[in-house]
Amino acid sequence: MFCYSNADIRKGEEADKIFRFIAFWKRHRGQAPQQLVFDSKLTTYHGLDRLDAACITFLTLRRRSPKLLAEAANLPPSAWRTVPLELPRKYRNPRVYEQKVRPRQRTYRQR
């Protein structure tokens, strides 16, 4: 569900936007959201650690950089798996590659 937007984010203000959204959600719903999906620019590695410590499940969307695309293109077919999603449209069975990363204090799954 898309329920919050701010098109006027200025450079340098991105890192705390997720926590502003969480505050907004708490004001309107009475508790923190259980899951979040957001652009990776909207918080820092420390922010990801804070989300994880607060037991908020999250998925960050990464930019498709040339380096990331090259890495994906060089993976063997056996590295990919299909994940079924309950969606009423196209893209119900995306192929994903998963690895563990540790950008700061905690280890995360990266797909």
N, C-alpha and C. Protein backbone atom coordinates (compact mmCIF):
# COMPACT_ATOMS: atom_id res chain seq x y z
N MET A 1 0.84 -1.16 0.00
CA MET A 1 0.00 0.00 0.00
C MET A 1 0.90 1.23 0.00
N PHE A 2 0.68 2.13 -0.91
CA PHE A 2 1.41 3.38 -0.94
C PHE A 2 0.61 4.39 -0.14
N CYS A 3 1.19 4.89 0.92
CA CYS A 3 0.39 5.74 1.80
C CYS A 3 1.09 7.02 2.24
N TYR A 4 2.27 7.27 1.75
CA TYR A 4 3.03 8.44 2.21
C TYR A 4 3.98 8.84 1.10
N SER A 5 4.07 10.11 0.84
CA SER A 5 5.06 10.54 -0.13
C SER A 5 5.53 11.94 0.19
N ASN A 6 6.72 12.22 -0.27
CA ASN A 6 7.30 13.54 -0.12
C ASN A 6 8.19 13.75 -1.32
N ALA A 7 7.75 14.55 -2.25
CA ALA A 7 8.51 14.77 -3.48
C ALA A 7 9.53 15.89 -3.33
N ASP A 8 9.58 16.53 -2.18
CA ASP A 8 10.47 17.67 -1.99
C ASP A 8 11.68 17.34 -1.12
N ILE A 9 12.20 16.14 -1.24
CA ILE A 9 13.37 15.76 -0.45
C ILE A 9 14.60 16.45 -1.03
N ARG A 10 15.29 17.18 -0.19
CA ARG A 10 16.49 17.88 -0.64
C ARG A 10 17.73 17.05 -0.33
N LYS A 11 18.76 17.29 -1.13
CA LYS A 11 20.02 16.58 -0.92
C LYS A 11 20.51 16.85 0.50
N GLY A 12 20.91 15.78 1.17
CA GLY A 12 21.37 15.91 2.54
C GLY A 12 20.29 15.63 3.56
N GLU A 13 19.02 15.59 3.14
CA GLU A 13 17.90 15.32 4.05
C GLU A 13 17.43 13.87 3.97
N GLU A 14 18.02 13.09 3.06
CA GLU A 14 17.49 11.75 2.80
C GLU A 14 17.63 10.80 3.98
N ALA A 15 18.73 10.88 4.70
CA ALA A 15 19.10 9.85 5.66
C ALA A 15 18.11 9.64 6.80
N ASP A 16 17.32 10.64 7.15
CA ASP A 16 16.38 10.47 8.26
C ASP A 16 14.93 10.34 7.81
N LYS A 17 14.70 10.28 6.52
CA LYS A 17 13.31 10.25 6.02
C LYS A 17 12.54 9.02 6.48
N ILE A 18 13.18 7.88 6.58
CA ILE A 18 12.48 6.67 7.02
C ILE A 18 11.97 6.85 8.44
N PHE A 19 12.77 7.49 9.29
CA PHE A 19 12.35 7.67 10.68
C PHE A 19 11.27 8.74 10.80
N ARG A 20 11.24 9.69 9.89
CA ARG A 20 10.12 10.64 9.84
C ARG A 20 8.85 9.91 9.42
N PHE A 21 8.97 8.99 8.47
CA PHE A 21 7.81 8.20 8.06
C PHE A 21 7.30 7.35 9.22
N ILE A 22 8.21 6.72 9.95
CA ILE A 22 7.81 5.88 11.09
C ILE A 22 7.06 6.73 12.12
N ALA A 23 7.53 7.94 12.38
CA ALA A 23 6.84 8.84 13.31
C ALA A 23 5.45 9.17 12.78
N PHE A 24 5.35 9.46 11.47
CA PHE A 24 4.05 9.73 10.84
C PHE A 24 3.11 8.53 11.02
N TRP A 25 3.62 7.34 10.75
CA TRP A 25 2.81 6.12 10.87
C TRP A 25 2.31 5.92 12.30
N LYS A 26 3.21 6.12 13.26
CA LYS A 26 2.84 5.95 14.67
C LYS A 26 1.75 6.93 15.08
N ARG A 27 1.85 8.18 14.59
CA ARG A 27 0.81 9.17 14.92
C ARG A 27 -0.55 8.75 14.39
N HIS A 28 -0.58 8.14 13.21
CA HIS A 28 -1.85 7.78 12.57
C HIS A 28 -2.34 6.37 12.89
N ARG A 29 -1.44 5.48 13.23
CA ARG A 29 -1.80 4.09 13.48
C ARG A 29 -1.58 3.63 14.92
N GLY A 30 -0.85 4.40 15.70
CA GLY A 30 -0.62 4.06 17.10
C GLY A 30 0.54 3.12 17.36
N GLN A 31 1.16 2.61 16.32
CA GLN A 31 2.32 1.73 16.47
C GLN A 31 3.19 1.82 15.23
N ALA A 32 4.42 1.33 15.35
CA ALA A 32 5.35 1.37 14.21
C ALA A 32 4.89 0.40 13.13
N PRO A 33 5.21 0.67 11.88
CA PRO A 33 4.87 -0.29 10.82
C PRO A 33 5.66 -1.58 11.00
N GLN A 34 5.09 -2.69 10.57
CA GLN A 34 5.78 -3.97 10.69
C GLN A 34 6.77 -4.18 9.56
N GLN A 35 6.47 -3.64 8.37
CA GLN A 35 7.33 -3.83 7.20
C GLN A 35 7.44 -2.52 6.44
N LEU A 36 8.61 -2.30 5.84
CA LEU A 36 8.84 -1.13 5.02
C LEU A 36 9.58 -1.52 3.74
N VAL A 37 9.25 -0.85 2.66
CA VAL A 37 9.97 -0.98 1.39
C VAL A 37 10.31 0.45 0.98
N PHE A 38 11.60 0.71 0.75
CA PHE A 38 12.00 2.08 0.45
C PHE A 38 13.30 2.11 -0.33
N ASP A 39 13.56 3.26 -0.94
CA ASP A 39 14.80 3.48 -1.68
C ASP A 39 15.97 3.47 -0.70
N SER A 40 17.05 2.86 -1.09
CA SER A 40 18.21 2.73 -0.20
C SER A 40 18.81 4.07 0.21
N LYS A 41 18.53 5.14 -0.53
CA LYS A 41 19.07 6.45 -0.19
C LYS A 41 18.37 7.08 1.02
N LEU A 42 17.25 6.52 1.45
CA LEU A 42 16.46 7.17 2.49
C LEU A 42 16.88 6.82 3.91
N THR A 43 17.97 6.12 4.07
CA THR A 43 18.55 5.91 5.39
C THR A 43 20.02 5.53 5.22
N THR A 44 20.68 5.36 6.33
CA THR A 44 22.10 5.00 6.35
C THR A 44 22.24 3.57 6.87
N TYR A 45 23.46 3.06 6.88
CA TYR A 45 23.68 1.73 7.46
C TYR A 45 23.30 1.73 8.94
N HIS A 46 23.63 2.80 9.63
CA HIS A 46 23.23 2.92 11.04
C HIS A 46 21.69 2.88 11.15
N GLY A 47 21.01 3.54 10.22
CA GLY A 47 19.55 3.52 10.21
C GLY A 47 19.00 2.11 9.99
N LEU A 48 19.65 1.34 9.13
CA LEU A 48 19.23 -0.05 8.92
C LEU A 48 19.38 -0.84 10.21
N ASP A 49 20.47 -0.61 10.94
CA ASP A 49 20.66 -1.27 12.22
C ASP A 49 19.55 -0.88 13.20
N ARG A 50 19.17 0.40 13.19
CA ARG A 50 18.08 0.86 14.08
C ARG A 50 16.76 0.19 13.71
N LEU A 51 16.47 0.07 12.42
CA LEU A 51 15.24 -0.60 11.98
C LEU A 51 15.23 -2.05 12.43
N ASP A 52 16.37 -2.72 12.25
CA ASP A 52 16.48 -4.12 12.63
C ASP A 52 16.30 -4.28 14.14
N ALA A 53 16.91 -3.42 14.92
CA ALA A 53 16.78 -3.47 16.38
C ALA A 53 15.35 -3.22 16.82
N ALA A 54 14.61 -2.43 16.04
CA ALA A 54 13.20 -2.14 16.36
C ALA A 54 12.26 -3.23 15.84
N CYS A 55 12.83 -4.29 15.25
CA CYS A 55 12.06 -5.42 14.70
C CYS A 55 11.12 -4.98 13.58
N ILE A 56 11.56 -4.02 12.78
CA ILE A 56 10.82 -3.61 11.60
C ILE A 56 11.47 -4.27 10.40
N THR A 57 10.73 -5.15 9.74
CA THR A 57 11.24 -5.83 8.56
C THR A 57 11.32 -4.81 7.43
N PHE A 58 12.40 -4.83 6.67
CA PHE A 58 12.54 -3.84 5.60
C PHE A 58 13.16 -4.45 4.36
N LEU A 59 12.89 -3.79 3.26
CA LEU A 59 13.50 -4.12 1.98
C LEU A 59 13.89 -2.80 1.36
N THR A 60 15.17 -2.66 1.03
CA THR A 60 15.62 -1.43 0.37
C THR A 60 15.80 -1.71 -1.11
N LEU A 61 15.49 -0.72 -1.91
CA LEU A 61 15.62 -0.84 -3.36
C LEU A 61 16.93 -0.17 -3.77
N ARG A 62 17.77 -0.94 -4.43
CA ARG A 62 19.08 -0.43 -4.85
C ARG A 62 19.02 0.08 -6.29
N ARG A 63 19.86 1.04 -6.57
CA ARG A 63 19.98 1.57 -7.93
C ARG A 63 20.63 0.52 -8.81
N ARG A 64 20.17 0.39 -10.02
CA ARG A 64 20.74 -0.57 -10.98
C ARG A 64 21.97 0.03 -11.63
N SER A 65 23.05 0.03 -10.88
CA SER A 65 24.30 0.60 -11.39
C SER A 65 24.92 -0.35 -12.41
N PRO A 66 25.79 0.15 -13.27
CA PRO A 66 26.48 -0.74 -14.21
C PRO A 66 27.23 -1.87 -13.49
N LYS A 67 27.83 -1.58 -12.34
CA LYS A 67 28.55 -2.59 -11.58
C LYS A 67 27.60 -3.68 -11.08
N LEU A 68 26.47 -3.29 -10.54
CA LEU A 68 25.48 -4.26 -10.04
C LEU A 68 24.95 -5.12 -11.19
N LEU A 69 24.65 -4.51 -12.31
CA LEU A 69 24.15 -5.26 -13.47
C LEU A 69 25.19 -6.24 -13.99
N ALA A 70 26.46 -5.83 -13.99
CA ALA A 70 27.53 -6.72 -14.45
C ALA A 70 27.68 -7.91 -13.50
N GLU A 71 27.61 -7.66 -12.20
CA GLU A 71 27.69 -8.75 -11.22
C GLU A 71 26.56 -9.75 -11.44
N ALA A 72 25.35 -9.25 -11.64
CA ALA A 72 24.19 -10.12 -11.85
C ALA A 72 24.34 -10.92 -13.14
N ALA A 73 24.85 -10.29 -14.19
CA ALA A 73 25.01 -10.96 -15.47
C ALA A 73 26.05 -12.09 -15.40
N ASN A 74 26.99 -11.97 -14.50
CA ASN A 74 28.06 -12.97 -14.39
C ASN A 74 27.74 -14.11 -13.42
N LEU A 75 26.59 -14.07 -12.80
CA LEU A 75 26.22 -15.16 -11.89
C LEU A 75 25.79 -16.38 -12.70
N PRO A 76 26.14 -17.57 -12.24
CA PRO A 76 25.70 -18.77 -12.95
C PRO A 76 24.19 -18.98 -12.76
N PRO A 77 23.53 -19.64 -13.70
CA PRO A 77 22.09 -19.87 -13.57
C PRO A 77 21.71 -20.57 -12.26
N SER A 78 22.59 -21.40 -11.75
CA SER A 78 22.30 -22.13 -10.51
C SER A 78 22.25 -21.22 -9.28
N ALA A 79 22.77 -19.99 -9.38
CA ALA A 79 22.77 -19.07 -8.25
C ALA A 79 21.41 -18.42 -8.02
N TRP A 80 20.57 -18.47 -9.04
CA TRP A 80 19.26 -17.81 -8.99
C TRP A 80 18.18 -18.78 -8.52
N ARG A 81 17.19 -18.25 -7.82
CA ARG A 81 16.02 -19.05 -7.49
C ARG A 81 14.77 -18.22 -7.72
N THR A 82 13.66 -18.89 -7.93
CA THR A 82 12.40 -18.22 -8.19
C THR A 82 11.62 -18.09 -6.88
N VAL A 83 11.06 -16.90 -6.66
CA VAL A 83 10.28 -16.64 -5.46
C VAL A 83 8.85 -16.30 -5.89
N PRO A 84 7.87 -17.12 -5.52
CA PRO A 84 6.49 -16.81 -5.88
C PRO A 84 5.93 -15.69 -4.99
N LEU A 85 5.29 -14.72 -5.61
CA LEU A 85 4.66 -13.62 -4.88
C LEU A 85 3.17 -13.63 -5.16
N GLU A 86 2.39 -13.30 -4.16
CA GLU A 86 0.94 -13.25 -4.33
C GLU A 86 0.55 -11.88 -4.87
N LEU A 87 0.69 -11.74 -6.17
CA LEU A 87 0.35 -10.49 -6.84
C LEU A 87 -0.67 -10.76 -7.92
N PRO A 88 -1.58 -9.83 -8.15
CA PRO A 88 -2.60 -10.05 -9.18
C PRO A 88 -2.11 -9.76 -10.59
N ARG A 89 -0.86 -9.37 -10.74
CA ARG A 89 -0.36 -8.96 -12.05
C ARG A 89 0.88 -9.72 -12.46
N LYS A 90 1.52 -9.16 -13.43
CA LYS A 90 2.79 -9.66 -13.94
C LYS A 90 3.84 -9.68 -12.82
N TYR A 91 4.94 -10.34 -13.03
CA TYR A 91 6.06 -10.41 -12.09
C TYR A 91 5.71 -11.15 -10.80
N ARG A 92 4.93 -12.21 -10.92
CA ARG A 92 4.57 -13.00 -9.76
C ARG A 92 5.66 -13.97 -9.33
N ASN A 93 6.60 -14.24 -10.22
CA ASN A 93 7.65 -15.22 -9.94
C ASN A 93 9.04 -14.67 -10.30
N PRO A 94 9.49 -13.65 -9.56
CA PRO A 94 10.81 -13.09 -9.89
C PRO A 94 11.94 -14.05 -9.53
N ARG A 95 13.02 -13.95 -10.29
CA ARG A 95 14.23 -14.72 -9.97
C ARG A 95 15.09 -13.84 -9.08
N VAL A 96 15.62 -14.42 -8.01
CA VAL A 96 16.44 -13.65 -7.07
C VAL A 96 17.75 -14.37 -6.79
N TYR A 97 18.72 -13.58 -6.45
CA TYR A 97 20.01 -14.08 -5.97
C TYR A 97 20.18 -13.49 -4.58
N GLU A 98 20.53 -14.32 -3.64
CA GLU A 98 20.64 -13.86 -2.26
C GLU A 98 22.04 -14.08 -1.72
N GLN A 99 22.55 -13.09 -1.00
CA GLN A 99 23.83 -13.22 -0.33
C GLN A 99 23.74 -12.47 1.00
N LYS A 100 24.62 -12.79 1.92
CA LYS A 100 24.65 -12.09 3.21
C LYS A 100 25.68 -10.98 3.13
N VAL A 101 25.30 -9.83 3.69
CA VAL A 101 26.21 -8.68 3.75
C VAL A 101 26.22 -8.15 5.18
N ARG A 102 27.32 -7.55 5.53
CA ARG A 102 27.45 -6.98 6.88
C ARG A 102 28.02 -5.57 6.72
N PRO A 103 27.16 -4.59 6.42
CA PRO A 103 27.66 -3.24 6.21
C PRO A 103 28.13 -2.55 7.48
N ARG A 104 27.58 -2.89 8.61
CA ARG A 104 27.98 -2.30 9.89
C ARG A 104 27.95 -3.37 10.98
N GLN A 105 27.04 -3.23 11.93
CA GLN A 105 27.01 -4.14 13.08
C GLN A 105 26.26 -5.43 12.83
N ARG A 106 25.30 -5.42 11.96
CA ARG A 106 24.42 -6.56 11.78
C ARG A 106 24.60 -7.18 10.39
N THR A 107 24.21 -8.43 10.26
CA THR A 107 24.27 -9.13 8.98
C THR A 107 22.89 -9.13 8.37
N TYR A 108 22.80 -8.83 7.08
CA TYR A 108 21.54 -8.78 6.36
C TYR A 108 21.59 -9.68 5.15
N ARG A 109 20.41 -10.08 4.68
CA ARG A 109 20.31 -10.79 3.41
C ARG A 109 20.18 -9.74 2.31
N GLN A 110 20.92 -9.91 1.28
CA GLN A 110 20.87 -8.99 0.15
C GLN A 110 20.40 -9.76 -1.06
N ARG A 111 19.38 -9.27 -1.72
CA ARG A 111 18.85 -9.92 -2.91
C ARG A 111 18.96 -8.99 -4.08
